[in-house]
Amino acid sequence: MRSTKGSPEAALFRFLSFILTRMLPENFTDLIKCSFDEFVTFLFERPVPSGESSFAEVARSGETDKWNPWYYDSHVSFDPFCLCDHYSRLFS
């Protein structure tokens, strides 16, 4: 009888995990098992656009196509139920 550890499914999972971890973009963030504090840090620990790079200035000049906020280029894996709980806690 085969053990679960040596099953074809387990081998495929290990192989895909190995490949995917080497293919992830530099700006990839894994929020699948993040704590509330890690979630808040992910959202808010970054510079706030101001001056010419603020959306208000970009919109005023009519060049909204130049607006490129950090989240446009973010690659994130997450658990939707976990993040829903975190957002609920954040805004309660």
Protein backbone atom coordinates (compact mmCIF):
# COMPACT_ATOMS: atom_id res chain seq x y z
CA MET A 1 0.00 0.00 0.00
CA ARG A 2 1.30 3.47 -0.92
CA SER A 3 1.78 6.18 1.64
CA THR A 4 0.20 9.59 1.03
CA LYS A 5 3.63 11.21 1.02
CA GLY A 6 4.67 9.25 -2.04
CA SER A 7 1.41 9.61 -3.94
CA PRO A 8 1.43 11.05 -7.45
CA GLU A 9 -0.70 13.97 -6.23
CA ALA A 10 1.80 14.82 -3.49
CA ALA A 11 4.68 14.62 -5.96
CA LEU A 12 2.84 16.90 -8.39
CA PHE A 13 2.11 19.37 -5.60
CA ARG A 14 5.76 19.45 -4.53
CA PHE A 15 6.88 19.89 -8.14
CA LEU A 16 4.43 22.73 -8.83
CA SER A 17 5.31 24.42 -5.55
CA PHE A 18 9.00 24.22 -6.47
CA ILE A 19 8.41 25.68 -9.95
CA LEU A 20 6.00 28.40 -8.85
CA THR A 21 8.24 29.70 -6.08
CA ARG A 22 10.96 30.26 -8.66
CA MET A 23 8.61 31.93 -11.14
CA LEU A 24 7.02 34.44 -8.79
CA PRO A 25 7.49 38.10 -9.67
CA GLU A 26 9.71 40.21 -7.46
CA ASN A 27 6.73 42.17 -6.12
CA PHE A 28 4.72 39.06 -5.13
CA THR A 29 3.05 39.03 -1.71
CA ASP A 30 1.49 35.98 -0.10
CA LEU A 31 -1.40 37.02 2.15
CA ILE A 32 -3.02 33.60 2.39
CA LYS A 33 -2.25 33.14 6.08
CA CYS A 34 -1.50 36.72 7.06
CA SER A 35 -2.38 38.11 10.46
CA PHE A 36 -4.41 41.28 10.79
CA ASP A 37 -1.25 43.25 11.61
CA GLU A 38 0.53 41.89 8.53
CA PHE A 39 -2.50 42.84 6.42
CA VAL A 40 -2.51 46.41 7.76
CA THR A 41 1.24 46.68 7.16
CA PHE A 42 0.79 45.45 3.58
CA LEU A 43 -1.90 48.06 2.89
CA PHE A 44 -0.46 51.12 4.58
CA GLU A 45 3.32 50.82 4.89
CA ARG A 46 4.18 52.68 1.71
CA PRO A 47 4.65 56.29 0.69
CA VAL A 48 1.55 58.37 0.00
CA PRO A 49 1.68 60.04 -3.42
CA SER A 50 1.85 63.79 -3.07
CA GLY A 51 2.61 66.80 -5.19
CA GLU A 52 2.91 66.06 -8.89
CA SER A 53 2.46 62.31 -8.35
CA SER A 54 -0.86 62.65 -6.49
CA PHE A 55 -4.00 61.64 -8.33
CA ALA A 56 -5.48 65.11 -7.84
CA GLU A 57 -2.55 66.71 -9.70
CA VAL A 58 -2.56 64.07 -12.43
CA ALA A 59 -6.34 64.50 -12.90
CA ARG A 60 -6.06 68.30 -12.87
CA SER A 61 -3.58 68.16 -15.72
CA GLY A 62 -5.82 65.73 -17.63
CA GLU A 63 -3.15 63.02 -17.70
CA THR A 64 -4.88 60.28 -15.72
CA ASP A 65 -3.29 57.70 -18.01
CA LYS A 66 -0.02 58.48 -16.20
CA TRP A 67 -1.50 57.49 -12.82
CA ASN A 68 0.20 54.29 -11.70
CA PRO A 69 -0.58 53.41 -8.06
CA TRP A 70 1.37 50.65 -6.32
CA TYR A 71 -1.53 48.18 -6.49
CA TYR A 72 -1.62 48.20 -10.30
CA ASP A 73 1.60 46.20 -10.36
CA SER A 74 1.06 44.09 -7.22
CA HIS A 75 0.91 40.33 -7.43
CA VAL A 76 -0.90 38.95 -4.40
CA SER A 77 -2.24 35.58 -3.37
CA PHE A 78 -4.90 35.71 -0.69
CA ASP A 79 -7.72 33.88 1.05
CA PRO A 80 -10.88 35.90 0.28
CA PHE A 81 -12.57 34.90 3.54
CA CYS A 82 -9.55 35.90 5.61
CA LEU A 83 -9.21 39.27 3.85
CA CYS A 84 -12.94 39.90 4.24
CA ASP A 85 -12.52 39.37 7.99
CA HIS A 86 -9.51 41.70 8.02
CA TYR A 87 -11.34 44.44 6.08
CA SER A 88 -14.37 44.07 8.39
CA ARG A 89 -12.13 44.47 11.43
CA LEU A 90 -10.29 47.40 9.85
CA PHE A 91 -13.47 49.36 9.17
CA SER A 92 -15.45 48.44 12.30
